[in-house]
Amino acid sequence: MAVSTQTHNHAFAAPFALLVRLGAKVHAGIRALQMARMLSTLSSMSDHQLAQVGISRSDIPKYAATLMENE
C-alpha cells in the first residue's frame, strides 16, 4: 500500500510540533529557575561583595538579566 508523501509528512508534523512546544516550555522553565537562583545568590551577597562586582543592590535585577542574555 502506497502512502502519499503529504500524509506521511503530516503524521510526523503533529508530534514534532508538540515536541518543539514542549522543548520551548522546558527551556523557559529552566531559564526561569536559573534567573531565580541568580537573583537569590546576588541578593544574599553583602553590599561590600556587590560593590566588588561593581553593582549596587538596586542593580541586581538588571545585572542578572544582562548575565542571562549573555549566556
Protein backbone atom coordinates (compact mmCIF):
# COMPACT_ATOMS: atom_id res chain seq x y z
CA MET A 1 0.00 0.00 0.00
CA ALA A 2 1.46 3.32 -1.03
CA VAL A 3 1.32 6.22 1.43
CA SER A 4 1.41 9.66 -0.05
CA THR A 5 4.28 11.90 0.99
CA GLN A 6 1.82 14.51 2.21
CA THR A 7 0.04 12.04 4.51
CA HIS A 8 3.36 10.65 5.72
CA ASN A 9 4.74 14.13 6.49
CA HIS A 10 1.54 15.13 8.29
CA ALA A 11 1.82 12.05 10.50
CA PHE A 12 5.16 13.31 11.80
CA ALA A 13 4.35 17.03 11.81
CA ALA A 14 1.95 16.99 14.75
CA PRO A 15 4.17 15.01 17.15
CA PHE A 16 7.19 17.05 16.08
CA ALA A 17 5.34 20.32 16.69
CA LEU A 18 4.31 19.03 20.12
CA LEU A 19 7.92 18.19 20.96
CA VAL A 20 9.05 21.64 19.81
CA ARG A 21 6.45 23.34 22.02
CA LEU A 22 7.32 21.10 24.95
CA GLY A 23 11.02 21.79 24.48
CA ALA A 24 10.37 25.54 24.42
CA LYS A 25 8.39 25.31 27.67
CA VAL A 26 11.10 23.24 29.35
CA HIS A 27 13.73 25.71 28.17
CA ALA A 28 11.69 28.64 29.51
CA GLY A 29 11.26 26.85 32.83
CA ILE A 30 14.97 26.17 33.14
CA ARG A 31 15.75 29.81 32.31
CA ALA A 32 13.28 30.97 34.97
CA LEU A 33 14.91 28.70 37.55
CA GLN A 34 18.36 29.98 36.57
CA MET A 35 17.19 33.57 36.91
CA ALA A 36 15.61 32.88 40.31
CA ARG A 37 18.80 31.23 41.53
CA MET A 38 20.93 34.10 40.26
CA LEU A 39 18.67 36.69 41.91
CA SER A 40 18.77 34.74 45.15
CA THR A 41 22.55 34.39 45.08
CA LEU A 42 23.14 38.06 44.29
CA SER A 43 20.59 39.17 46.89
CA SER A 44 22.33 37.11 49.57
CA MET A 45 25.63 38.89 48.94
CA SER A 46 26.68 41.72 51.22
CA ASP A 47 26.76 45.31 49.96
CA HIS A 48 30.55 45.10 50.07
CA GLN A 49 30.59 41.97 47.89
CA LEU A 50 28.18 43.56 45.42
CA ALA A 51 30.40 46.65 45.27
CA GLN A 52 33.35 44.41 44.45
CA VAL A 53 31.38 43.08 41.48
CA GLY A 54 30.57 46.66 40.55
CA ILE A 55 26.85 46.75 41.27
CA SER A 56 24.55 48.04 43.97
CA ARG A 57 21.63 46.16 45.47
CA SER A 58 19.16 48.06 43.28
CA ASP A 59 21.10 46.92 40.18
CA ILE A 60 20.63 43.21 40.90
CA PRO A 61 17.62 42.55 38.61
CA LYS A 62 19.18 44.38 35.66
CA TYR A 63 22.58 42.77 36.25
CA ALA A 64 21.03 39.29 36.45
CA ALA A 65 19.07 39.91 33.23
CA THR A 66 22.26 41.04 31.50
CA LEU A 67 24.08 37.90 32.62
CA MET A 68 21.20 35.74 31.34
CA GLU A 69 21.29 37.47 27.94
CA ASN A 70 24.99 36.78 27.58
CA GLU A 71 24.65 33.10 28.46
